[in-house]
Amino acid sequence: MEYDYGIIGGGPAGYTTGMLLAQKGKTVIIFEKDKLGGTCLNKGCIPTKAILHASELYRETLCSSNIGLDISINSFDFSKVIEKKNQTVEKVRKALELAVKNSGAQVVYEKAEIKDKNTIVTQTNEYKVSEIVYAAGSAPKELKGLEFDHKFILSSDDVLELTKLPKSVLIIGSGAIGIEWARIFSNFKVEVYLSEIAEHLLPIADIEVSKRIERLFKQRKIKYFLNDSIDKIENNIVTLKSGTVIEPDFILSAAGRVPLKPDTEDCIILGDSCGEIQLAHYAISQAKNFAHNIAYDKTLIPSVIYGEPEIAWVGIKEQDCTEDYKKVTLPVTALGKSWCDDATDGFIKIITKDNFIKGAHIVSKEASALIHEILIAIENNITVDELKKISFAHPTYSEGIFEALMRI
């Protein structure tokens, strides 16, 4: 049988493209060498958030005396956290597999390679297609001198399979992976060290966000080292270039991911394989654009860092602004809901120009939801004055957007 489309990779870009094309009546075959869902579902977003949730419950339990609860943790089995994580991933994957099946797309669980622009081959078969979509994803990035041995130097894949917690850990890099795992381990009372080669934590973020993270880390007693990197490792003793000596149980190298690219140009490349924005929702936007010609603005892809408080942003950053821009920063302490939730650390920052929002940076509980309110306004060219007409419910975090806009 010949197919209209052959898709290599069953991650967000691959399965979304396959489902959308199949729903349009196209014949689609998806090749996945492991499990549907890609990095996001199996080795990234979903499992990490499941572990993060457990760590936050652990931390909240330790702080329960603040509301009059006298709870002591007599025992804790971290392997149960991993077991629950695996169950969560499996449930989400089964739902995805059913959705793909119901769409009409066919899935072949084999490693696939491109033979020519109309042929895909596996170990057992050869498939003829009219067009090939390559969406094989990415892999953890290895740094020179920090090659993964999966024992002392771990990747973000490795750390998901831990069955017991370390006493101390050194994390290299403060991107989304590094920040979230620093929070996870810290919540579980692991001694956390983090080394970042840049001048600030989370260097891709707005400068005020980076500074707030640094303050939060100090409060949580997460030890971080800026403008620093590993000088040498001897007998699992790590010396940083600053001279700091650390004896971690292991190193988590969280320096990002590298795209898996095809050996040919005879295909459409989507998702992490493009080497652009390595986010699942960006991959899905690419898929919608390819299958349904739904346009997206690459500069308006939201970013979210999870944990307590959440961090989210979209659009222009303060360090990129000129004098033509206006900015307002509302502390979360201005919101009654934050005091009720004991979540007062953070801010809502909005950057405007000529009565339109150009960027927003939020450190707050529910930031992952709040950022989309801003994004919808930006995408639809809704003015600041028009947004001021909206009645925001009270008490909510959303009303912080209104309060911030009223200060412009």
Protein backbone atom coordinates (compact mmCIF):
# COMPACT_ATOMS: atom_id res chain seq x y z
CA MET A 1 0.00 0.00 0.00
CA GLU A 2 1.13 3.52 -0.76
CA TYR A 3 0.50 6.40 1.66
CA ASP A 4 -0.02 10.11 1.19
CA TYR A 5 2.26 10.86 4.13
CA GLY A 6 4.96 8.98 5.99
CA ILE A 7 5.91 10.53 9.33
CA ILE A 8 9.10 9.58 11.14
CA GLY A 9 8.69 10.26 14.86
CA GLY A 10 5.68 9.96 17.14
CA GLY A 11 6.21 12.99 19.35
CA PRO A 12 4.01 16.12 19.48
CA ALA A 13 5.01 17.24 15.97
CA GLY A 14 4.64 13.77 14.47
CA TYR A 15 1.43 12.55 16.06
CA THR A 16 -0.32 15.94 15.71
CA THR A 17 0.57 16.13 12.03
CA GLY A 18 -0.54 12.55 11.50
CA MET A 19 -3.87 12.99 13.25
CA LEU A 20 -4.73 16.24 11.49
CA LEU A 21 -3.86 14.88 8.05
CA ALA A 22 -5.76 11.64 8.67
CA GLN A 23 -8.81 13.61 9.76
CA LYS A 24 -8.67 15.35 6.37
CA GLY A 25 -8.94 11.99 4.67
CA LYS A 26 -5.24 11.53 3.88
CA THR A 27 -3.58 8.14 4.28
CA VAL A 28 -0.94 8.46 6.97
CA ILE A 29 1.64 6.12 8.47
CA ILE A 30 3.64 7.13 11.55
CA PHE A 31 6.93 5.42 12.42
CA GLU A 32 7.95 5.39 16.07
CA LYS A 33 10.98 3.42 17.28
CA ASP A 34 9.92 3.50 20.93
CA LYS A 35 6.65 4.87 22.34
CA LEU A 36 4.16 7.45 21.12
CA GLY A 37 4.41 10.82 22.79
CA GLY A 38 8.06 11.63 22.19
CA THR A 39 10.29 13.34 24.72
CA CYS A 40 7.46 15.42 26.17
CA LEU A 41 5.28 12.53 27.27
CA ASN A 42 7.91 9.88 27.99
CA LYS A 43 11.07 11.68 29.11
CA GLY A 44 10.23 15.33 29.65
CA CYS A 45 7.19 17.44 30.40
CA ILE A 46 4.75 14.90 31.78
CA PRO A 47 6.99 12.67 33.95
CA THR A 48 8.87 15.67 35.32
CA LYS A 49 5.66 17.44 36.32
CA ALA A 50 4.40 14.25 38.01
CA ILE A 51 7.56 14.09 40.13
CA LEU A 52 7.41 17.85 40.76
CA HIS A 53 3.85 17.50 42.06
CA ALA A 54 4.96 14.81 44.51
CA SER A 55 7.86 16.96 45.68
CA GLU A 56 5.54 19.91 46.33
CA LEU A 57 3.19 17.70 48.36
CA TYR A 58 6.21 16.57 50.37
CA ARG A 59 7.32 20.15 51.02
CA GLU A 60 3.78 21.30 51.90
CA THR A 61 3.46 18.44 54.37
CA LEU A 62 6.65 19.55 56.12
CA CYS A 63 5.20 23.07 56.37
CA SER A 64 1.74 21.96 57.53
CA SER A 65 2.26 23.27 61.06
CA ASN A 66 1.59 26.75 59.60
CA ILE A 67 -2.11 25.87 59.47
CA GLY A 68 -2.26 23.93 62.72
CA LEU A 69 -1.59 20.42 61.38
CA ASP A 70 0.87 18.31 63.32
CA ILE A 71 2.16 15.90 60.68
CA SER A 72 5.43 14.01 60.87
CA ILE A 73 6.92 11.96 58.04
CA ASN A 74 8.04 8.69 59.61
CA SER A 75 9.06 7.06 56.33
CA PHE A 76 9.29 7.97 52.67
CA ASP A 77 9.74 5.64 49.69
CA PHE A 78 10.87 7.64 46.65
CA SER A 79 10.46 4.59 44.42
CA LYS A 80 6.69 5.02 44.88
CA VAL A 81 6.99 8.50 43.36
CA ILE A 82 8.63 6.99 40.30
CA GLU A 83 6.00 4.24 40.19
CA LYS A 84 3.22 6.87 40.25
CA LYS A 85 5.07 8.85 37.56
CA ASN A 86 5.21 5.77 35.35
CA GLN A 87 1.50 5.13 35.87
CA THR A 88 0.69 8.70 34.92
CA VAL A 89 2.76 8.53 31.74
CA GLU A 90 1.17 5.21 30.78
CA LYS A 91 -2.36 6.55 31.24
CA VAL A 92 -1.67 9.62 29.13
CA ARG A 93 0.04 7.49 26.48
CA LYS A 94 -2.87 5.07 26.23
CA ALA A 95 -5.23 7.99 25.69
CA LEU A 96 -2.93 9.32 22.98
CA GLU A 97 -2.65 5.92 21.27
CA LEU A 98 -6.43 5.68 21.16
CA ALA A 99 -6.76 9.20 19.76
CA VAL A 100 -4.23 8.46 17.00
CA LYS A 101 -5.98 5.19 16.18
CA ASN A 102 -9.38 6.88 16.04
CA SER A 103 -8.02 9.56 13.72
CA GLY A 104 -7.26 6.91 11.12
CA ALA A 105 -3.47 7.24 11.18
CA GLN A 106 -1.51 3.99 11.22
CA VAL A 107 1.45 3.50 13.55
CA VAL A 108 4.45 1.23 12.93
CA TYR A 109 6.69 0.70 15.98
CA GLU A 110 10.04 0.34 14.24
CA LYS A 111 13.07 2.48 13.59
CA ALA A 112 12.66 4.07 10.17
CA GLU A 113 15.04 5.65 7.69
CA ILE A 114 14.57 7.69 4.53
CA LYS A 115 15.69 5.81 1.43
CA ASP A 116 14.60 8.50 -1.02
CA LYS A 117 11.99 11.26 -1.14
CA ASN A 118 9.18 8.73 -1.62
CA THR A 119 10.49 5.71 0.30
CA ILE A 120 10.81 4.90 4.01
CA VAL A 121 12.45 1.66 5.11
CA THR A 122 12.41 -0.29 8.37
CA GLN A 123 14.11 -3.58 9.27
CA THR A 124 11.06 -5.50 8.10
CA ASN A 125 9.50 -3.52 5.29
CA GLU A 126 9.64 -0.75 2.71
CA TYR A 127 6.92 1.90 2.43
CA LYS A 128 6.03 4.16 -0.49
CA VAL A 129 4.75 7.63 0.39
CA SER A 130 3.97 10.81 -1.53
CA GLU A 131 5.62 13.02 1.09
CA ILE A 132 7.83 12.48 4.13
CA VAL A 133 7.63 14.41 7.41
CA TYR A 134 10.67 14.05 9.66
CA ALA A 135 9.95 14.72 13.35
CA ALA A 136 12.42 12.52 15.21
CA GLY A 137 12.87 14.94 18.10
CA SER A 138 16.02 15.58 20.12
CA ALA A 139 18.42 14.02 22.61
CA PRO A 140 20.11 15.28 25.79
CA LYS A 141 23.13 17.42 24.98
CA GLU A 142 26.53 16.14 26.10
CA LEU A 143 29.17 18.62 27.16
CA LYS A 144 32.85 17.99 26.48
CA GLY A 145 34.37 16.46 29.59
CA LEU A 146 30.89 15.69 30.94
CA GLU A 147 29.95 12.78 28.72
CA PHE A 148 27.13 10.72 30.23
CA ASP A 149 28.25 7.59 32.05
CA HIS A 150 24.70 7.14 33.44
CA LYS A 151 26.16 6.54 36.92
CA PHE A 152 27.85 9.70 38.15
CA ILE A 153 27.12 11.98 35.21
CA LEU A 154 23.41 11.71 34.40
CA SER A 155 21.23 13.05 31.62
CA SER A 156 17.69 14.35 32.05
CA ASP A 157 16.57 10.91 30.81
CA ASP A 158 18.58 9.11 33.49
CA VAL A 159 17.32 11.17 36.39
CA LEU A 160 13.73 10.16 35.65
CA GLU A 161 14.58 6.56 36.54
CA LEU A 162 16.09 7.14 39.98
CA THR A 163 14.59 4.84 42.60
CA LYS A 164 16.03 6.66 45.60
CA LEU A 165 16.96 10.23 46.31
CA PRO A 166 20.56 11.43 46.52
CA LYS A 167 21.84 13.32 49.53
CA SER A 168 23.35 15.97 47.28
CA VAL A 169 23.36 16.76 43.57
CA LEU A 170 25.22 19.15 41.27
CA ILE A 171 23.16 20.47 38.37
CA ILE A 172 24.89 21.95 35.33
CA GLY A 173 22.81 24.57 33.55
CA SER A 174 19.84 26.70 34.60
CA GLY A 175 17.43 26.36 31.72
CA ALA A 176 13.98 24.86 32.23
CA ILE A 177 15.41 21.41 33.00
CA GLY A 178 17.96 22.67 35.51
CA ILE A 179 15.58 25.03 37.30
CA GLU A 180 12.78 22.47 37.62
CA TRP A 181 15.03 19.68 38.88
CA ALA A 182 16.70 22.04 41.35
CA ARG A 183 13.23 22.75 42.72
CA ILE A 184 12.28 19.07 42.79
CA PHE A 185 15.38 17.97 44.68
CA SER A 186 15.19 20.96 47.04
CA ASN A 187 11.56 20.15 47.87
CA PHE A 188 12.69 16.65 48.84
CA LYS A 189 15.37 18.16 51.12
CA VAL A 190 18.25 17.13 48.88
CA GLU A 191 21.27 19.45 49.06
CA VAL A 192 21.34 21.15 45.66
CA TYR A 193 24.25 22.87 43.91
CA LEU A 194 23.79 24.52 40.52
CA SER A 195 26.49 25.83 38.19
CA GLU A 196 25.61 28.32 35.44
CA ILE A 197 28.13 29.69 32.95
CA ALA A 198 26.08 32.87 32.37
CA GLU A 199 25.84 35.93 34.61
CA HIS A 200 22.33 35.07 35.82
CA LEU A 201 20.13 32.04 36.37
CA LEU A 202 17.74 31.27 33.51
CA PRO A 203 19.64 33.62 31.16
CA ILE A 204 17.02 33.34 28.40
CA ALA A 205 14.42 35.06 30.63
CA ASP A 206 13.67 38.69 31.42
CA ILE A 207 16.35 40.07 33.73
CA GLU A 208 13.85 40.74 36.53
CA VAL A 209 12.68 37.13 36.33
CA SER A 210 16.26 35.88 36.56
CA LYS A 211 16.94 38.02 39.61
CA ARG A 212 13.75 36.81 41.29
CA ILE A 213 14.72 33.18 40.71
CA GLU A 214 18.08 33.88 42.30
CA ARG A 215 16.31 35.32 45.33
CA LEU A 216 13.95 32.35 45.52
CA PHE A 217 16.87 29.92 45.32
CA LYS A 218 18.62 31.69 48.17
CA GLN A 219 15.47 31.40 50.26
CA ARG A 220 15.29 27.68 49.49
CA LYS A 221 19.01 27.30 50.28
CA ILE A 222 19.81 26.12 46.75
CA LYS A 223 23.47 26.98 46.27
CA TYR A 224 24.17 28.37 42.81
CA PHE A 225 27.35 29.55 41.16
CA LEU A 226 27.22 32.10 38.32
CA ASN A 227 29.90 32.69 35.68
CA ASP A 228 31.19 29.29 36.69
CA SER A 229 31.71 25.81 35.30
CA ILE A 230 33.49 22.54 36.10
CA ASP A 231 37.26 22.66 36.09
CA LYS A 232 37.95 19.05 37.01
CA ILE A 233 36.46 15.87 38.43
CA GLU A 234 38.61 13.49 40.45
CA ASN A 235 37.17 10.49 42.30
CA ASN A 236 33.71 12.05 42.01
CA ILE A 237 34.94 15.22 43.68
CA VAL A 238 34.10 18.25 41.55
CA THR A 239 36.14 21.43 41.48
CA LEU A 240 34.61 24.46 39.80
CA LYS A 241 36.71 27.06 38.01
CA SER A 242 35.95 29.43 40.90
CA GLY A 243 37.74 26.98 43.20
CA THR A 244 34.58 25.71 44.88
CA VAL A 245 34.82 22.01 45.75
CA ILE A 246 31.65 19.90 45.72
CA GLU A 247 31.15 16.22 46.54
CA PRO A 248 27.76 15.38 45.02
CA ASP A 249 26.23 11.95 44.78
CA PHE A 250 25.95 12.62 41.07
CA ILE A 251 25.93 15.36 38.44
CA LEU A 252 22.84 16.17 36.42
CA SER A 253 24.03 17.68 33.15
CA ALA A 254 21.11 19.85 32.05
CA ALA A 255 22.69 21.79 29.21
CA GLY A 256 19.73 21.40 26.87
CA ARG A 257 19.01 19.08 23.97
CA VAL A 258 20.36 18.60 20.46
CA PRO A 259 18.08 18.08 17.43
CA LEU A 260 18.01 14.74 15.63
CA LYS A 261 18.25 15.70 11.99
CA PRO A 262 17.74 13.64 8.80
CA ASP A 263 20.57 12.81 6.42
CA THR A 264 18.63 14.20 3.49
CA GLU A 265 16.71 17.32 2.49
CA ASP A 266 14.01 15.27 0.75
CA CYS A 267 11.49 15.78 3.57
CA ILE A 268 9.60 18.27 5.69
CA ILE A 269 11.25 18.78 9.10
CA LEU A 270 9.09 19.60 12.13
CA GLY A 271 9.44 19.75 15.91
CA ASP A 272 12.72 19.56 17.83
CA SER A 273 14.45 18.23 14.73
CA CYS A 274 14.27 21.76 13.28
CA GLY A 275 16.70 22.96 15.93
CA GLU A 276 14.54 25.99 16.67
CA ILE A 277 12.27 26.33 19.70
CA GLN A 278 12.33 23.01 21.54
CA LEU A 279 8.89 23.10 23.12
CA ALA A 280 6.02 20.68 22.58
CA HIS A 281 3.51 23.45 21.92
CA TYR A 282 5.80 24.96 19.30
CA ALA A 283 5.97 21.57 17.59
CA ILE A 284 2.17 21.37 17.69
CA SER A 285 1.93 24.87 16.16
CA GLN A 286 4.21 23.72 13.35
CA ALA A 287 2.02 20.67 12.81
CA LYS A 288 -1.17 22.78 12.62
CA ASN A 289 0.53 25.09 10.15
CA PHE A 290 1.65 22.21 7.94
CA ALA A 291 -1.61 20.25 8.03
CA HIS A 292 -4.17 23.07 8.14
CA ASN A 293 -2.19 26.16 7.16
CA ILE A 294 -2.92 27.75 10.56
CA ALA A 295 -0.36 30.51 10.94
CA TYR A 296 1.61 31.16 14.12
CA ASP A 297 4.01 33.86 15.26
CA LYS A 298 7.34 32.41 16.32
CA THR A 299 7.99 35.42 18.55
CA LEU A 300 4.82 34.72 20.54
CA ILE A 301 5.48 31.17 21.71
CA PRO A 302 4.97 31.21 25.51
CA SER A 303 7.57 29.79 27.87
CA VAL A 304 6.76 28.22 31.24
CA ILE A 305 9.00 27.01 34.05
CA TYR A 306 7.11 24.88 36.55
CA GLY A 307 7.36 24.72 40.31
CA GLU A 308 6.27 27.04 43.11
CA PRO A 309 5.90 29.77 42.07
CA GLU A 310 5.49 29.16 38.35
CA ILE A 311 7.37 31.31 35.85
CA ALA A 312 5.94 32.28 32.46
CA TRP A 313 6.66 34.81 29.78
CA VAL A 314 5.90 35.84 26.23
CA GLY A 315 7.04 38.64 23.93
CA ILE A 316 9.69 41.29 24.44
CA LYS A 317 11.99 41.32 27.48
CA GLU A 318 12.98 44.36 29.52
CA GLN A 319 16.61 44.14 28.45
CA ASP A 320 15.48 44.43 24.82
CA CYS A 321 13.28 47.49 25.34
CA THR A 322 13.98 51.03 24.12
CA GLU A 323 12.72 54.22 25.74
CA ASP A 324 9.54 53.99 23.63
CA TYR A 325 8.28 51.13 25.79
CA LYS A 326 6.47 51.40 29.11
CA LYS A 327 6.62 48.78 31.82
CA VAL A 328 4.73 48.15 35.02
CA THR A 329 5.46 45.55 37.68
CA LEU A 330 2.79 44.52 40.16
CA PRO A 331 3.97 42.54 43.19
CA VAL A 332 1.87 39.45 43.86
CA THR A 333 1.50 40.70 47.44
CA ALA A 334 -1.03 43.18 46.03
CA LEU A 335 -3.43 40.28 45.44
CA GLY A 336 -5.60 39.01 48.28
CA LYS A 337 -5.68 35.53 46.73
CA SER A 338 -1.91 35.22 47.13
CA TRP A 339 -2.18 35.76 50.89
CA CYS A 340 -4.98 33.21 51.13
CA ASP A 341 -2.83 30.65 49.29
CA ASP A 342 0.39 31.55 51.14
CA ALA A 343 1.92 32.26 47.72
CA THR A 344 3.05 35.86 47.96
CA ASP A 345 6.42 35.65 46.24
CA GLY A 346 6.35 36.95 42.68
CA PHE A 347 5.17 39.65 40.32
CA ILE A 348 3.23 40.37 37.16
CA LYS A 349 5.19 42.52 34.72
CA ILE A 350 3.66 43.94 31.55
CA ILE A 351 5.52 45.82 28.82
CA THR A 352 3.52 48.06 26.47
CA LYS A 353 4.02 50.37 23.53
CA ASP A 354 1.45 52.66 21.90
CA ASN A 355 -1.41 51.20 23.97
CA PHE A 356 -0.61 47.57 23.03
CA ILE A 357 0.98 44.85 25.14
CA LYS A 358 4.33 43.77 23.73
CA GLY A 359 5.50 41.41 26.45
CA ALA A 360 4.64 39.93 29.83
CA HIS A 361 6.71 38.19 32.50
CA ILE A 362 5.02 36.49 35.42
CA VAL A 363 6.37 34.84 38.55
CA SER A 364 3.34 33.63 40.44
CA LYS A 365 1.08 30.77 41.32
CA GLU A 366 -0.96 29.96 38.17
CA ALA A 367 1.49 31.83 35.92
CA SER A 368 1.14 29.08 33.31
CA ALA A 369 -2.54 30.00 32.94
CA LEU A 370 -2.17 33.77 33.34
CA ILE A 371 0.28 34.12 30.47
CA HIS A 372 -2.37 32.94 27.99
CA GLU A 373 -4.67 35.82 28.91
CA ILE A 374 -1.89 38.16 27.85
CA LEU A 375 -1.09 36.11 24.76
CA ILE A 376 -4.68 36.20 23.51
CA ALA A 377 -4.68 39.99 23.86
CA ILE A 378 -1.40 40.34 21.96
CA GLU A 379 -2.40 37.95 19.17
CA ASN A 380 -5.71 39.76 18.64
CA ASN A 381 -4.35 43.31 18.88
CA ILE A 382 -6.54 44.14 21.87
CA THR A 383 -5.51 47.49 23.31
CA VAL A 384 -4.72 48.21 26.93
CA ASP A 385 -7.75 50.48 27.11
CA GLU A 386 -10.02 47.68 25.85
CA LEU A 387 -8.63 45.22 28.40
CA LYS A 388 -9.38 47.67 31.19
CA LYS A 389 -13.11 47.28 30.40
CA ILE A 390 -13.05 43.59 31.41
CA SER A 391 -14.40 42.65 34.83
CA PHE A 392 -11.84 40.33 36.41
CA ALA A 393 -13.20 38.11 39.17
CA HIS A 394 -12.08 38.74 42.74
CA PRO A 395 -10.17 37.26 44.46
CA THR A 396 -8.05 35.76 41.68
CA TYR A 397 -4.55 35.97 40.30
CA SER A 398 -6.05 37.08 36.99
CA GLU A 399 -7.10 40.38 38.49
CA GLY A 400 -3.39 41.07 38.88
CA ILE A 401 -3.30 41.64 35.12
CA PHE A 402 -6.06 44.22 35.48
CA GLU A 403 -4.32 45.87 38.44
CA ALA A 404 -1.09 46.07 36.46
CA LEU A 405 -2.81 47.54 33.40
CA MET A 406 -4.50 50.18 35.54
CA ARG A 407 -1.06 51.41 36.61
CA ILE A 408 0.03 52.10 33.02
